[in-house]
Amino acid sequence: MKILTLNFLTCARKSCKTSAASFPLHPRDAELEIVEVDYNPLFLKNIMPRLEWSALRSLCSEVQINLTITPAAETTHADKNPGFQIGLDTLPVEMPEPDTLEEGGEATQVARELHSLLMETTIAEGKLVCGNCRHEYMVKEGIANFLLPAHMV
């Protein structure tokens, strides 16, 4: 399950639909994995207005991805392991301008790192926990199980 997907998921229980605490779902005991995906600037440009930046920041802190503020020259990925550091030196609280993703036809470093975070970083195993009802959705082999038991529907 991609980190990007978590930016759109809420609890499946009807009683949680009206609660702000049901978004985002909180990863617990998450095993991160990097799955290489071709860079697609058009997709990145079109998805940015739909992102909840505050939710993205909280998700990253919960799965121990450090969004650091560093000079662009020092921006690196550390071995692409769980707990790795993404040096998004300009990751804002609000949405950046989509036109700033490319300079002279080349993707900026921030755009590449944002792509890596959203599209390549996946949760292979773990749980997603609702902040409202505390129900746990299991993630196995990168797929979350959102089927609820009959007594919770």
C-alpha atoms as a PDB file:
ATOM      1  CA  MET A   1       0.000   0.000   0.000  1.00  0.00           C
ATOM      2  CA  LYS A   2       1.538   3.282  -1.125  1.00  0.00           C
ATOM      3  CA  ILE A   3       1.949   6.204   1.253  1.00  0.00           C
ATOM      4  CA  LEU A   4      -0.116   8.187  -1.256  1.00  0.00           C
ATOM      5  CA  THR A   5      -3.093   5.862  -0.681  1.00  0.00           C
ATOM      6  CA  LEU A   6      -3.131   6.646   3.031  1.00  0.00           C
ATOM      7  CA  ASN A   7      -3.781  10.279   2.158  1.00  0.00           C
ATOM      8  CA  PHE A   8      -7.262   9.290   0.928  1.00  0.00           C
ATOM      9  CA  LEU A   9      -8.423   6.540   3.330  1.00  0.00           C
ATOM     10  CA  THR A  10     -10.774   6.799   6.296  1.00  0.00           C
ATOM     11  CA  CYS A  11     -12.306   4.232   8.606  1.00  0.00           C
ATOM     12  CA  ALA A  12     -14.940   1.991   6.982  1.00  0.00           C
ATOM     13  CA  ARG A  13     -17.348   2.121   9.955  1.00  0.00           C
ATOM     14  CA  LYS A  14     -20.456   4.261   9.453  1.00  0.00           C
ATOM     15  CA  SER A  15     -20.118   5.748  12.924  1.00  0.00           C
ATOM     16  CA  CYS A  16     -16.662   7.070  12.013  1.00  0.00           C
ATOM     17  CA  LYS A  17     -17.653   8.740   8.740  1.00  0.00           C
ATOM     18  CA  THR A  18     -18.668  11.963  10.488  1.00  0.00           C
ATOM     19  CA  SER A  19     -15.664  12.096  12.806  1.00  0.00           C
ATOM     20  CA  ALA A  20     -12.572  14.065  11.843  1.00  0.00           C
ATOM     21  CA  ALA A  21     -10.479  11.652  13.937  1.00  0.00           C
ATOM     22  CA  SER A  22     -11.063   8.849  11.411  1.00  0.00           C
ATOM     23  CA  PHE A  23      -8.689  10.549   8.935  1.00  0.00           C
ATOM     24  CA  PRO A  24      -5.938   9.730   8.373  1.00  0.00           C
ATOM     25  CA  LEU A  25      -5.633   6.121   9.425  1.00  0.00           C
ATOM     26  CA  HIS A  26      -2.538   5.708  11.595  1.00  0.00           C
ATOM     27  CA  PRO A  27       0.041   3.065  10.625  1.00  0.00           C
ATOM     28  CA  ARG A  28       1.270   0.826  13.448  1.00  0.00           C
ATOM     29  CA  ASP A  29       4.051  -1.762  13.310  1.00  0.00           C
ATOM     30  CA  ALA A  30       4.513  -0.828   9.647  1.00  0.00           C
ATOM     31  CA  GLU A  31       7.235  -2.440   7.566  1.00  0.00           C
ATOM     32  CA  LEU A  32       8.225  -0.054   4.782  1.00  0.00           C
ATOM     33  CA  GLU A  33       9.423  -1.133   1.388  1.00  0.00           C
ATOM     34  CA  ILE A  34      10.632   0.784  -1.667  1.00  0.00           C
ATOM     35  CA  VAL A  35       9.140  -0.321  -4.985  1.00  0.00           C
ATOM     36  CA  GLU A  36      10.701   1.473  -7.959  1.00  0.00           C
ATOM     37  CA  VAL A  37       8.193   3.295 -10.181  1.00  0.00           C
ATOM     38  CA  ASP A  38       8.944   5.404 -13.264  1.00  0.00           C
ATOM     39  CA  TYR A  39       8.874   9.132 -12.582  1.00  0.00           C
ATOM     40  CA  ASN A  40       5.669  10.693 -13.924  1.00  0.00           C
ATOM     41  CA  PRO A  41       5.666  14.500 -13.597  1.00  0.00           C
ATOM     42  CA  LEU A  42       2.161  14.857 -15.037  1.00  0.00           C
ATOM     43  CA  PHE A  43       0.696  12.543 -12.394  1.00  0.00           C
ATOM     44  CA  LEU A  44       2.597  14.332  -9.640  1.00  0.00           C
ATOM     45  CA  LYS A  45       1.423  17.710 -10.905  1.00  0.00           C
ATOM     46  CA  ASN A  46      -2.225  16.564 -10.991  1.00  0.00           C
ATOM     47  CA  ILE A  47      -2.213  14.791  -7.607  1.00  0.00           C
ATOM     48  CA  MET A  48      -0.695  17.672  -5.636  1.00  0.00           C
ATOM     49  CA  PRO A  49      -3.914  19.735  -5.325  1.00  0.00           C
ATOM     50  CA  ARG A  50      -5.643  16.687  -3.822  1.00  0.00           C
ATOM     51  CA  LEU A  51      -3.091  16.016  -1.078  1.00  0.00           C
ATOM     52  CA  GLU A  52      -3.725  16.791   2.557  1.00  0.00           C
ATOM     53  CA  TRP A  53      -0.271  18.081   3.514  1.00  0.00           C
ATOM     54  CA  SER A  54      -0.855  18.028   7.262  1.00  0.00           C
ATOM     55  CA  ALA A  55      -2.004  14.390   7.053  1.00  0.00           C
ATOM     56  CA  LEU A  56       1.028  13.536   4.909  1.00  0.00           C
ATOM     57  CA  ARG A  57       3.384  15.064   7.464  1.00  0.00           C
ATOM     58  CA  SER A  58       1.761  13.166  10.355  1.00  0.00           C
ATOM     59  CA  LEU A  59       1.840   9.877   8.392  1.00  0.00           C
ATOM     60  CA  CYS A  60       5.523  10.337   7.650  1.00  0.00           C
ATOM     61  CA  SER A  61       6.332  10.969  11.292  1.00  0.00           C
ATOM     62  CA  GLU A  62       4.335   7.886  12.336  1.00  0.00           C
ATOM     63  CA  VAL A  63       6.217   5.575   9.957  1.00  0.00           C
ATOM     64  CA  GLN A  64       9.510   7.267  10.872  1.00  0.00           C
ATOM     65  CA  ILE A  65      10.230   8.946   7.575  1.00  0.00           C
ATOM     66  CA  ASN A  66      12.031  12.140   8.418  1.00  0.00           C
ATOM     67  CA  LEU A  67      11.016  15.148   6.379  1.00  0.00           C
ATOM     68  CA  THR A  68      14.043  17.306   6.943  1.00  0.00           C
ATOM     69  CA  ILE A  69      14.826  20.893   6.179  1.00  0.00           C
ATOM     70  CA  THR A  70      18.273  20.862   4.612  1.00  0.00           C
ATOM     71  CA  PRO A  71      20.060  22.732   1.842  1.00  0.00           C
ATOM     72  CA  ALA A  72      19.282  21.213  -1.554  1.00  0.00           C
ATOM     73  CA  ALA A  73      22.925  20.167  -2.019  1.00  0.00           C
ATOM     74  CA  GLU A  74      22.724  17.923   1.069  1.00  0.00           C
ATOM     75  CA  THR A  75      19.456  16.239   0.085  1.00  0.00           C
ATOM     76  CA  THR A  76      19.849  12.431  -0.012  1.00  0.00           C
ATOM     77  CA  HIS A  77      18.083   9.130   0.445  1.00  0.00           C
ATOM     78  CA  ALA A  78      19.799   6.944   3.018  1.00  0.00           C
ATOM     79  CA  ASP A  79      19.960   3.384   1.676  1.00  0.00           C
ATOM     80  CA  LYS A  80      16.218   3.260   0.928  1.00  0.00           C
ATOM     81  CA  ASN A  81      15.497   1.322   4.117  1.00  0.00           C
ATOM     82  CA  PRO A  82      12.684   1.737   6.642  1.00  0.00           C
ATOM     83  CA  GLY A  83      13.447   4.814   8.660  1.00  0.00           C
ATOM     84  CA  PHE A  84      15.242   6.411   5.721  1.00  0.00           C
ATOM     85  CA  GLN A  85      15.453  10.150   5.422  1.00  0.00           C
ATOM     86  CA  ILE A  86      13.863  12.129   2.628  1.00  0.00           C
ATOM     87  CA  GLY A  87      15.345  15.588   2.454  1.00  0.00           C
ATOM     88  CA  LEU A  88      12.348  17.490   1.183  1.00  0.00           C
ATOM     89  CA  ASP A  89      13.922  20.845   1.810  1.00  0.00           C
ATOM     90  CA  THR A  90      10.884  22.770   0.622  1.00  0.00           C
ATOM     91  CA  LEU A  91       7.997  20.477   1.577  1.00  0.00           C
ATOM     92  CA  PRO A  92       5.456  23.061   2.675  1.00  0.00           C
ATOM     93  CA  VAL A  93       2.498  23.018   4.979  1.00  0.00           C
ATOM     94  CA  GLU A  94       0.442  24.175   2.014  1.00  0.00           C
ATOM     95  CA  MET A  95       0.616  22.858  -1.519  1.00  0.00           C
ATOM     96  CA  PRO A  96       3.571  24.041  -3.629  1.00  0.00           C
ATOM     97  CA  GLU A  97       2.910  25.416  -7.076  1.00  0.00           C
ATOM     98  CA  PRO A  98       2.747  22.477  -9.540  1.00  0.00           C
ATOM     99  CA  ASP A  99       4.689  24.535 -12.100  1.00  0.00           C
ATOM    100  CA  THR A 100       7.723  24.490  -9.784  1.00  0.00           C
ATOM    101  CA  LEU A 101       8.126  20.730 -10.279  1.00  0.00           C
ATOM    102  CA  GLU A 102      10.226  21.169 -13.397  1.00  0.00           C
ATOM    103  CA  GLU A 103      12.977  23.587 -14.307  1.00  0.00           C
ATOM    104  CA  GLY A 104      13.863  23.709 -17.988  1.00  0.00           C
ATOM    105  CA  GLY A 105      12.226  20.337 -18.627  1.00  0.00           C
ATOM    106  CA  GLU A 106      14.170  18.640 -15.810  1.00  0.00           C
ATOM    107  CA  ALA A 107      12.509  17.442 -12.625  1.00  0.00           C
ATOM    108  CA  THR A 108      13.633  19.284  -9.530  1.00  0.00           C
ATOM    109  CA  GLN A 109      15.147  17.359  -6.645  1.00  0.00           C
ATOM    110  CA  VAL A 110      12.080  18.108  -4.506  1.00  0.00           C
ATOM    111  CA  ALA A 111       9.780  16.694  -7.191  1.00  0.00           C
ATOM    112  CA  ARG A 112      11.844  13.502  -7.409  1.00  0.00           C
ATOM    113  CA  GLU A 113      11.830  13.073  -3.638  1.00  0.00           C
ATOM    114  CA  LEU A 114       8.106  13.765  -3.421  1.00  0.00           C
ATOM    115  CA  HIS A 115       7.549  11.144  -6.133  1.00  0.00           C
ATOM    116  CA  SER A 116       9.695   8.693  -4.180  1.00  0.00           C
ATOM    117  CA  LEU A 117       7.741   9.337  -1.000  1.00  0.00           C
ATOM    118  CA  LEU A 118       4.267   9.133  -2.543  1.00  0.00           C
ATOM    119  CA  MET A 119       4.684   6.521  -5.253  1.00  0.00           C
ATOM    120  CA  GLU A 120       7.624   4.304  -4.286  1.00  0.00           C
ATOM    121  CA  THR A 121       7.334   4.090  -0.492  1.00  0.00           C
ATOM    122  CA  THR A 122       4.910   1.328   0.451  1.00  0.00           C
ATOM    123  CA  ILE A 123       3.695  -0.350   3.618  1.00  0.00           C
ATOM    124  CA  ALA A 124       4.298  -4.058   3.097  1.00  0.00           C
ATOM    125  CA  GLU A 125       3.029  -5.322   6.473  1.00  0.00           C
ATOM    126  CA  GLY A 126       1.425  -3.787   9.531  1.00  0.00           C
ATOM    127  CA  LYS A 127      -1.811  -2.248  10.741  1.00  0.00           C
ATOM    128  CA  LEU A 128      -3.859   0.872  10.029  1.00  0.00           C
ATOM    129  CA  VAL A 129      -5.630   2.188  13.130  1.00  0.00           C
ATOM    130  CA  CYS A 130      -8.663   4.481  13.176  1.00  0.00           C
ATOM    131  CA  GLY A 131      -8.154   7.458  15.456  1.00  0.00           C
ATOM    132  CA  ASN A 132     -11.858   7.488  16.363  1.00  0.00           C
ATOM    133  CA  CYS A 133     -12.876   3.880  17.119  1.00  0.00           C
ATOM    134  CA  ARG A 134      -9.362   2.344  17.388  1.00  0.00           C
ATOM    135  CA  HIS A 135     -10.278  -0.456  14.967  1.00  0.00           C
ATOM    136  CA  GLU A 136      -7.216  -2.044  13.362  1.00  0.00           C
ATOM    137  CA  TYR A 137      -7.110  -2.890   9.669  1.00  0.00           C
ATOM    138  CA  MET A 138      -4.411  -5.434   8.847  1.00  0.00           C
ATOM    139  CA  VAL A 139      -2.003  -4.877   5.954  1.00  0.00           C
ATOM    140  CA  LYS A 140      -0.498  -8.050   4.515  1.00  0.00           C
ATOM    141  CA  GLU A 141       1.691  -8.208   1.431  1.00  0.00           C
ATOM    142  CA  GLY A 142       0.914  -4.541   0.765  1.00  0.00           C
ATOM    143  CA  ILE A 143      -2.877  -5.004   0.760  1.00  0.00           C
ATOM    144  CA  ALA A 144      -5.126  -3.599   3.486  1.00  0.00           C
ATOM    145  CA  ASN A 145      -8.167  -5.604   4.582  1.00  0.00           C
ATOM    146  CA  PHE A 146     -11.094  -3.181   5.037  1.00  0.00           C
ATOM    147  CA  LEU A 147     -13.752  -5.852   5.522  1.00  0.00           C
ATOM    148  CA  LEU A 148     -15.492  -5.305   8.837  1.00  0.00           C
ATOM    149  CA  PRO A 149     -16.872  -8.071  11.063  1.00  0.00           C
ATOM    150  CA  ALA A 150     -20.708  -8.216  11.036  1.00  0.00           C
ATOM    151  CA  HIS A 151     -21.024  -6.693  14.525  1.00  0.00           C
ATOM    152  CA  MET A 152     -19.153  -3.543  13.416  1.00  0.00           C
ATOM    153  CA  VAL A 153     -21.058  -2.741  10.238  1.00  0.00           C
END
